[in-house]
Structure formats: C-alpha cells, structure tokens
Amino acid sequence: MTTSARPGAAADLSAAPSAGSPAAPSAAPLVPVPAAALPEPVPAARLPRLGRLLDWRVRFTALGLVWGFSFLFMKVGNEAFAPLQVTLGRLVFGAAVLAVAVAVKRERLPRGARTWLHLFVAAILLNSLPFTLFATAEQSIPSMLAGICNAATPLFSMLVSLVALSEDRPSRQRFAGVGLGFAGVLTVLGAWQGFSGQDPKGTLMALTAALCYAVGWAYVRRTLSTTGSSHLAMSASQLALAALQLLVITPLFTSMPSSFPVRPVLAVLALGALGTGAAFLVQYGLVAEKGPTIGSMVTYLIPIVATAAGVLLLGESLSWNEPVGAVVILVGAALTQRRPRDGRA
C-alpha cells in the first residue's frame, strides 16, 4: 500500500493509483487496484497456498462477485441498521480478517507518528467516509445505481491527478474518456427528463463517495509511497484506524438497534469479512500472479454484478438508460487508463 496504489479492499483503497487508475470501490466496496501501481507477477512457487489451489479465473470471478454484491449487502444491512452502523460492522469485520492475516504472516506494523497520521487521513478518505456515503445513499437510491456510480471513480481519479499529481499528463484520448464517462453518468441519471425517478441527494452522495476514492488515492500517492512497510500491514493498519473512527462517531449519531435480524446481520458480516477483508487478500494474490492489468480489470465487473443482483434479488426496477449509461461509463473509464505509446499528449 504505498502510494503507488496496490491491491485490495482496505488498503488498496489505501494505495494510490496513477492518473485515472481504475477503481474501485470497492468498493466497494473496496475499490479495485489501480493498474499502474500494482506489484509485478511473482513465481507460482511463491504464491500463497490459495493461489496455487484455485485457478486465477475462479478468483477473478469471485472477486468481481464479492465486490458487486457489496452494494446489495449494504442495502440489506440498511433494513435493520443505520448507515453508520452498517459501515462500522463492515470495518470491524474487514479489519479483523486483515489482522489475522498480518498475525499469520508476522508482518511488522508501520512505524512513526507521521506515517500513522497519514494513514488516519487515508482511512477517512478511502474507508470511513465513502463507505458511509454509499450506505447512506442506498437509503434512497437502488443498490445497482450506487454500483454504477462507483464506476465513475477512475474518471474522478484522472481529474484529481491533474491537480494533485503534476507528473501525470493525460492524453487527448484520456480526456475524451472522462468526457464520455460523465456523459454516461448523465445517461444513467436520465438528465434529459430532469433526473426523474432518481433521488438527487442519494445519487450525489454515491458520486461523492467515488470522488473520495479518487482524492484518497492521490493523497496516499503523495504521502505514503516510501514508508517501507508491507502493503498488507499498511492496509490492516488503515482499516483498523477507520474502524476506530466509526467506533467513536457511531454512538454519537445512532442508538443501539432494537433487534438483530439474521438477514441484515449476515449481510453486514459478508460486507466486512468478504467484501472488505478477504477481497483484499484475493486481489493481492491475483495481482501478484497475473499482474496489474488483470487485477484491475475486475473493476468493470462490479457495476454488472451490482445491477444483476439488485434486479434479480432485490426486485429493483431497471430502465434502458441505466445499463446503457453504465456501458458508456465503463468505456470512458477504460479510455482514461490508456496511455499513448509514443508519449505524445
């Protein structure tokens, strides 16, 4: 999790992408790893046991399903818990998974007050704030719309990189990708009919969450690229800080739930342990084996899975403009990832 963004749920939120690297958001739910900053493939003999046992295509598909279903999990969690409580559960369960991984691998936690301060800020920008915004947004918008809004992250990433990362010089093609992507956003929202049928406040929250990921990645890239700590240790530390932030804030704005229905509890557990904890470990192994390009391509599965899950399992209605707009967003996002081979702008 150095600023050259690396994989994963929590910390890949914590790793920083190069201009316009794909998102994820993971986040989703944890946002997928930005391609340019991921580790190079390693020999098969050095891969974790899971990586040697399961074909990479199986893990790739599982990662897309877990992150895509994260939006459904948030929607179901909202049935019994406040959005802050859903986010708190997500962070606690996700941090627990990474803490176990750190203990098993005997990783050393990062050192230095400055590093921990930067991790604290990264935890706000990449975890506690966007996760809460997505959960809150899903009180008034469909889970599939939240998943589609998440796909706008790489578009915001490129725009933020222009301001925060002076070394990034996007090409005309990548600028065109941003324009196309935002045209897709307007298509999803049905701009020509006055955004009818969509809650403007909820949609704005979901798009702001995607913007948080972009800002957070740029921040991490500027501040945490040379810590010397492992990506797993940095990610676990960041997610633990985010959980502490929500442990302080949540009791101030919510009351204890009156009941704990099985379905919402299982949804929050899956959101944290699978979509925020285990997903990081799976993605990191996938990128280590197959490289950053394959690892980042899972980004494009997320809105597809989120839409299918929302329609088929939650009965959410689907208009023609939503899948069409989602495709336009993904094409635009793909263009923002391309770099001219001859180096010309």
Protein backbone atom coordinates (compact mmCIF):
# COMPACT_ATOMS: atom_id res chain seq x y z
CA MET A 1 0.00 0.00 0.00
CA THR A 2 2.41 2.54 -0.94
CA THR A 3 1.25 5.42 -2.82
CA SER A 4 1.60 3.61 -5.96
CA ALA A 5 -1.63 2.01 -5.24
CA ARG A 6 -1.78 -1.61 -4.54
CA PRO A 7 -4.47 -4.17 -4.30
CA GLY A 8 -7.17 -4.78 -2.00
CA ALA A 9 -10.08 -3.84 -0.09
CA ALA A 10 -8.89 -1.66 2.60
CA ALA A 11 -5.54 -0.73 1.63
CA ASP A 12 -5.97 -0.71 -1.93
CA LEU A 13 -8.06 1.90 -1.10
CA SER A 14 -5.01 2.98 0.51
CA ALA A 15 -2.76 2.58 -2.33
CA ALA A 16 -2.58 5.22 -4.82
CA PRO A 17 -3.24 4.90 -8.46
CA SER A 18 -1.59 6.61 -11.24
CA ALA A 19 -3.68 9.08 -13.07
CA GLY A 20 -7.05 7.67 -13.69
CA SER A 21 -6.35 4.22 -12.43
CA PRO A 22 -9.43 2.07 -12.12
CA ALA A 23 -11.43 1.93 -9.07
CA ALA A 24 -12.82 0.50 -7.21
CA PRO A 25 -14.88 0.52 -4.57
CA SER A 26 -14.65 -1.43 -3.50
CA ALA A 27 -15.76 -0.92 -3.20
CA ALA A 28 -16.51 -1.25 -2.68
CA PRO A 29 -16.73 -1.82 -1.63
CA LEU A 30 -13.25 -1.91 -1.75
CA VAL A 31 -12.11 -0.38 -4.75
CA PRO A 32 -10.04 -2.44 -7.17
CA VAL A 33 -6.41 -1.86 -7.56
CA PRO A 34 -5.10 0.86 -9.79
CA ALA A 35 -3.18 -0.83 -12.56
CA ALA A 36 -0.04 1.26 -12.80
CA ALA A 37 0.96 0.82 -9.20
CA LEU A 38 0.42 -2.82 -8.58
CA PRO A 39 3.16 -5.34 -7.98
CA GLU A 40 4.68 -7.37 -10.75
CA PRO A 41 3.80 -11.07 -11.05
CA VAL A 42 5.76 -13.47 -8.86
CA PRO A 43 6.76 -17.10 -9.50
CA ALA A 44 3.98 -19.62 -8.81
CA ALA A 45 6.06 -21.32 -6.13
CA ARG A 46 6.00 -18.14 -4.03
CA LEU A 47 2.24 -17.64 -4.24
CA PRO A 48 0.03 -18.24 -1.20
CA ARG A 49 -1.43 -21.73 -0.96
CA LEU A 50 -4.85 -20.47 -2.03
CA GLY A 51 -3.33 -19.02 -5.19
CA ARG A 52 -1.79 -22.37 -6.09
CA LEU A 53 -5.00 -24.31 -5.46
CA LEU A 54 -7.56 -22.12 -7.24
CA ASP A 55 -7.25 -21.11 -10.87
CA TRP A 56 -6.87 -17.35 -11.26
CA ARG A 57 -10.07 -17.18 -13.33
CA VAL A 58 -12.03 -18.57 -10.39
CA ARG A 59 -10.54 -15.99 -8.04
CA PHE A 60 -11.07 -13.21 -10.59
CA THR A 61 -14.75 -14.10 -10.91
CA ALA A 62 -15.16 -14.46 -7.16
CA LEU A 63 -13.64 -11.02 -6.60
CA GLY A 64 -16.00 -9.39 -9.09
CA LEU A 65 -18.97 -11.13 -7.47
CA VAL A 66 -17.98 -10.16 -3.93
CA TRP A 67 -17.40 -6.51 -4.78
CA GLY A 68 -20.51 -6.34 -6.94
CA PHE A 69 -22.64 -7.91 -4.22
CA SER A 70 -21.28 -5.44 -1.66
CA PHE A 71 -23.89 -2.92 -2.78
CA LEU A 72 -26.63 -5.45 -2.20
CA PHE A 73 -25.17 -6.24 1.23
CA MET A 74 -25.31 -2.56 2.17
CA LYS A 75 -28.92 -2.32 1.04
CA VAL A 76 -29.90 -5.35 3.11
CA GLY A 77 -27.91 -4.11 6.11
CA ASN A 78 -29.87 -0.85 5.96
CA GLU A 79 -33.05 -2.81 6.62
CA ALA A 80 -32.18 -3.09 10.32
CA PHE A 81 -29.24 -0.79 10.97
CA ALA A 82 -28.35 2.85 10.43
CA PRO A 83 -25.81 3.51 7.65
CA LEU A 84 -23.13 4.37 10.24
CA GLN A 85 -23.76 1.04 11.95
CA VAL A 86 -23.53 -0.83 8.64
CA THR A 87 -20.21 0.88 7.96
CA LEU A 88 -18.93 0.18 11.47
CA GLY A 89 -19.72 -3.51 11.15
CA ARG A 90 -18.09 -3.59 7.74
CA LEU A 91 -14.89 -2.01 9.02
CA VAL A 92 -14.67 -4.13 12.17
CA PHE A 93 -15.14 -7.42 10.33
CA GLY A 94 -12.83 -6.35 7.50
CA ALA A 95 -10.11 -5.21 9.88
CA ALA A 96 -10.39 -8.49 11.79
CA VAL A 97 -9.71 -10.50 8.63
CA LEU A 98 -6.64 -8.44 7.77
CA ALA A 99 -5.42 -8.51 11.39
CA VAL A 100 -5.47 -12.31 11.29
CA ALA A 101 -3.54 -12.26 8.01
CA VAL A 102 -0.95 -9.88 9.49
CA ALA A 103 -0.55 -12.12 12.54
CA VAL A 104 -0.23 -15.29 10.46
CA LYS A 105 2.39 -13.72 8.19
CA ARG A 106 4.06 -11.99 11.15
CA GLU A 107 4.12 -8.67 9.36
CA ARG A 108 5.52 -5.64 11.16
CA LEU A 109 3.12 -2.72 11.55
CA PRO A 110 4.19 0.69 10.22
CA ARG A 111 6.22 2.95 12.49
CA GLY A 112 6.39 6.67 13.04
CA ALA A 113 3.77 9.21 14.10
CA ARG A 114 3.83 10.89 10.69
CA THR A 115 3.02 7.64 8.91
CA TRP A 116 0.14 6.94 11.27
CA LEU A 117 -1.20 10.46 10.81
CA HIS A 118 -1.24 9.99 7.04
CA LEU A 119 -2.90 6.60 7.50
CA PHE A 120 -5.55 8.26 9.67
CA VAL A 121 -6.38 10.74 6.89
CA ALA A 122 -6.31 7.96 4.28
CA ALA A 123 -8.72 5.95 6.41
CA ILE A 124 -11.19 8.84 6.31
CA LEU A 125 -10.89 9.43 2.57
CA LEU A 126 -10.80 5.80 1.45
CA ASN A 127 -12.82 3.93 4.04
CA SER A 128 -14.94 5.54 6.72
CA LEU A 129 -16.29 8.45 4.65
CA PRO A 130 -17.01 6.78 1.28
CA PHE A 131 -18.34 3.61 2.90
CA THR A 132 -20.75 5.71 4.98
CA LEU A 133 -21.76 7.79 1.97
CA PHE A 134 -22.57 4.69 -0.08
CA ALA A 135 -24.57 3.13 2.77
CA THR A 136 -26.47 6.38 3.34
CA ALA A 137 -27.11 6.85 -0.37
CA GLU A 138 -28.69 3.40 -0.56
CA GLN A 139 -31.43 4.51 1.80
CA SER A 140 -32.92 6.43 -1.14
CA ILE A 141 -31.42 5.02 -4.34
CA PRO A 142 -31.24 1.45 -5.69
CA SER A 143 -28.15 -0.60 -4.90
CA MET A 144 -27.49 -1.00 -8.62
CA LEU A 145 -27.35 2.79 -9.09
CA ALA A 146 -24.80 3.01 -6.27
CA GLY A 147 -22.73 0.34 -8.02
CA ILE A 148 -22.88 2.25 -11.29
CA CYS A 149 -21.85 5.50 -9.55
CA ASN A 150 -18.86 3.64 -8.13
CA ALA A 151 -17.70 3.00 -11.69
CA ALA A 152 -17.12 6.75 -12.07
CA THR A 153 -14.13 6.58 -9.71
CA PRO A 154 -11.47 6.35 -12.45
CA LEU A 155 -12.97 9.39 -14.13
CA PHE A 156 -12.60 11.41 -10.93
CA SER A 157 -9.13 9.92 -10.42
CA MET A 158 -7.82 11.38 -13.63
CA LEU A 159 -9.27 14.81 -12.89
CA VAL A 160 -7.84 14.81 -9.36
CA SER A 161 -4.44 13.74 -10.68
CA LEU A 162 -4.29 16.84 -12.85
CA VAL A 163 -4.44 18.99 -9.74
CA ALA A 164 -2.62 16.88 -7.16
CA LEU A 165 -0.08 14.91 -9.22
CA SER A 166 1.79 17.24 -11.52
CA GLU A 167 3.76 14.39 -13.11
CA ASP A 168 0.61 12.96 -14.67
CA ARG A 169 -0.04 14.38 -18.13
CA PRO A 170 -3.15 12.86 -19.63
CA SER A 171 -3.54 12.48 -23.38
CA ARG A 172 -6.40 13.72 -25.52
CA GLN A 173 -7.72 10.19 -25.53
CA ARG A 174 -7.90 10.09 -21.76
CA PHE A 175 -9.61 13.48 -21.66
CA ALA A 176 -12.10 12.09 -24.15
CA GLY A 177 -12.61 9.14 -21.81
CA VAL A 178 -13.51 11.49 -18.97
CA GLY A 179 -16.00 13.35 -21.14
CA LEU A 180 -17.52 10.11 -22.38
CA GLY A 181 -17.68 8.72 -18.85
CA PHE A 182 -19.56 11.69 -17.47
CA ALA A 183 -21.92 11.56 -20.45
CA GLY A 184 -22.60 8.03 -19.29
CA VAL A 185 -23.35 9.30 -15.78
CA LEU A 186 -25.90 11.74 -17.20
CA THR A 187 -27.41 8.91 -19.24
CA VAL A 188 -27.77 6.74 -16.15
CA LEU A 189 -29.49 9.58 -14.32
CA GLY A 190 -31.80 10.38 -17.23
CA ALA A 191 -30.69 14.01 -17.44
CA TRP A 192 -32.91 14.73 -20.48
CA GLN A 193 -36.00 14.05 -18.36
CA GLY A 194 -34.96 16.10 -15.35
CA PHE A 195 -33.45 13.17 -13.40
CA SER A 196 -36.96 11.89 -12.77
CA GLY A 197 -37.19 8.74 -10.72
CA GLN A 198 -33.81 9.26 -9.04
CA ASP A 199 -33.18 10.86 -5.68
CA PRO A 200 -30.70 13.70 -6.37
CA LYS A 201 -29.34 13.73 -2.80
CA GLY A 202 -28.70 9.98 -2.70
CA THR A 203 -27.12 9.98 -6.15
CA LEU A 204 -24.89 12.91 -5.21
CA MET A 205 -23.77 11.03 -2.10
CA ALA A 206 -22.81 7.98 -4.18
CA LEU A 207 -20.88 10.11 -6.66
CA THR A 208 -19.17 11.94 -3.78
CA ALA A 209 -18.08 8.57 -2.40
CA ALA A 210 -16.47 7.81 -5.76
CA LEU A 211 -14.76 11.21 -5.63
CA CYS A 212 -13.47 10.40 -2.12
CA TYR A 213 -11.70 7.34 -3.51
CA ALA A 214 -10.02 9.46 -6.18
CA VAL A 215 -8.89 12.11 -3.69
CA GLY A 216 -7.76 9.45 -1.23
CA TRP A 217 -5.64 7.65 -3.80
CA ALA A 218 -3.92 10.90 -4.76
CA TYR A 219 -3.31 11.67 -1.09
CA VAL A 220 -1.79 8.25 -0.44
CA ARG A 221 0.36 8.51 -3.50
CA ARG A 222 1.77 11.80 -2.27
CA THR A 223 2.28 10.81 1.38
CA LEU A 224 2.68 7.06 1.84
CA SER A 225 4.76 5.83 -1.07
CA THR A 226 8.05 5.42 0.80
CA THR A 227 7.13 4.02 4.20
CA GLY A 228 8.92 0.72 3.68
CA SER A 229 6.08 -1.26 5.30
CA SER A 230 4.30 -4.10 3.53
CA HIS A 231 1.04 -3.45 1.72
CA LEU A 232 -0.76 -5.91 3.96
CA ALA A 233 0.45 -4.23 7.16
CA MET A 234 -0.40 -0.76 5.85
CA SER A 235 -3.84 -1.87 4.73
CA ALA A 236 -4.63 -3.58 8.02
CA SER A 237 -3.50 -0.50 9.94
CA GLN A 238 -5.55 1.83 7.78
CA LEU A 239 -8.68 -0.28 8.12
CA ALA A 240 -8.20 -0.55 11.89
CA LEU A 241 -7.98 3.25 12.12
CA ALA A 242 -11.16 3.59 10.07
CA ALA A 243 -12.91 1.16 12.43
CA LEU A 244 -11.76 3.23 15.42
CA GLN A 245 -13.08 6.38 13.78
CA LEU A 246 -16.52 4.82 13.37
CA LEU A 247 -16.42 3.39 16.90
CA VAL A 248 -16.15 6.96 18.17
CA ILE A 249 -18.63 8.58 15.78
CA THR A 250 -21.40 5.99 15.52
CA PRO A 251 -22.63 6.12 19.16
CA LEU A 252 -22.91 9.92 18.89
CA PHE A 253 -25.38 9.81 15.98
CA THR A 254 -27.19 6.48 16.35
CA SER A 255 -28.86 4.47 19.07
CA MET A 256 -28.43 0.80 19.79
CA PRO A 257 -30.52 -1.33 17.39
CA SER A 258 -33.61 -2.78 19.00
CA SER A 259 -33.10 -6.13 17.28
CA PHE A 260 -30.55 -8.00 15.21
CA PRO A 261 -32.40 -9.79 12.39
CA VAL A 262 -30.45 -12.62 10.82
CA ARG A 263 -30.53 -11.37 7.23
CA PRO A 264 -29.12 -7.87 7.85
CA VAL A 265 -26.55 -9.23 10.32
CA LEU A 266 -25.31 -11.77 7.76
CA ALA A 267 -25.24 -9.05 5.10
CA VAL A 268 -23.02 -6.81 7.23
CA LEU A 269 -20.80 -9.75 8.13
CA ALA A 270 -20.37 -10.65 4.46
CA LEU A 271 -19.79 -7.00 3.55
CA GLY A 272 -16.94 -6.74 6.04
CA ALA A 273 -15.34 -10.18 6.15
CA LEU A 274 -15.70 -10.93 2.43
CA GLY A 275 -16.08 -7.62 0.60
CA THR A 276 -13.64 -5.64 2.72
CA GLY A 277 -11.24 -8.16 4.23
CA ALA A 278 -10.96 -11.35 2.21
CA ALA A 279 -11.33 -9.45 -1.08
CA PHE A 280 -8.08 -7.63 -0.39
CA LEU A 281 -6.23 -10.89 0.13
CA VAL A 282 -7.71 -12.44 -3.02
CA GLN A 283 -6.94 -9.42 -5.16
CA TYR A 284 -3.40 -9.09 -3.87
CA GLY A 285 -2.71 -12.72 -4.73
CA LEU A 286 -4.35 -12.31 -8.13
CA VAL A 287 -2.24 -9.28 -9.00
CA ALA A 288 0.91 -10.97 -7.73
CA GLU A 289 0.26 -13.94 -10.02
CA LYS A 290 -1.17 -12.35 -13.17
CA GLY A 291 -0.07 -8.74 -13.00
CA PRO A 292 -1.81 -5.37 -12.54
CA THR A 293 -3.77 -5.36 -15.80
CA ILE A 294 -5.74 -8.49 -14.92
CA GLY A 295 -6.06 -7.33 -11.33
CA SER A 296 -7.59 -4.00 -12.29
CA MET A 297 -10.00 -5.42 -14.88
CA VAL A 298 -12.25 -6.65 -12.08
CA THR A 299 -13.35 -3.02 -11.84
CA TYR A 300 -15.51 -3.50 -14.89
CA LEU A 301 -17.37 -6.45 -13.40
CA ILE A 302 -18.62 -4.54 -10.38
CA PRO A 303 -21.47 -2.48 -11.94
CA ILE A 304 -22.59 -5.51 -13.94
CA VAL A 305 -22.82 -7.70 -10.86
CA ALA A 306 -24.36 -4.90 -8.75
CA THR A 307 -27.05 -4.32 -11.37
CA ALA A 308 -27.86 -8.01 -11.80
CA ALA A 309 -28.01 -8.55 -8.03
CA GLY A 310 -30.24 -5.53 -7.50
CA VAL A 311 -32.70 -6.51 -10.22
CA LEU A 312 -32.81 -10.27 -9.64
CA LEU A 313 -32.54 -10.46 -5.83
CA LEU A 314 -33.93 -7.15 -4.60
CA GLY A 315 -36.52 -6.55 -7.31
CA GLU A 316 -35.11 -3.16 -8.28
CA SER A 317 -36.50 -1.71 -11.49
CA LEU A 318 -34.23 -1.25 -14.46
CA SER A 319 -34.73 1.31 -17.22
CA TRP A 320 -32.93 1.18 -20.56
CA ASN A 321 -30.82 4.24 -19.78
CA GLU A 322 -29.15 2.66 -16.72
CA PRO A 323 -27.39 -0.29 -18.42
CA VAL A 324 -26.65 1.85 -21.50
CA GLY A 325 -25.19 4.61 -19.35
CA ALA A 326 -23.18 2.08 -17.35
CA VAL A 327 -21.60 0.76 -20.55
CA VAL A 328 -20.71 4.30 -21.63
CA ILE A 329 -19.15 4.96 -18.21
CA LEU A 330 -17.05 1.80 -18.43
CA VAL A 331 -15.86 2.62 -21.95
CA GLY A 332 -14.88 6.09 -20.77
CA ALA A 333 -13.13 4.64 -17.73
CA ALA A 334 -11.21 2.23 -19.99
CA LEU A 335 -10.05 5.14 -22.15
CA THR A 336 -8.76 7.00 -19.10
CA GLN A 337 -6.49 4.04 -18.37
CA ARG A 338 -4.80 4.07 -21.74
CA ARG A 339 -1.51 5.84 -22.21
CA PRO A 340 -0.12 6.88 -25.61
CA ARG A 341 2.72 4.57 -26.63
CA ASP A 342 4.70 7.31 -28.29
CA GLY A 343 4.49 9.53 -25.21
CA ARG A 344 2.73 12.34 -27.01
CA ALA A 345 -0.18 14.21 -25.48
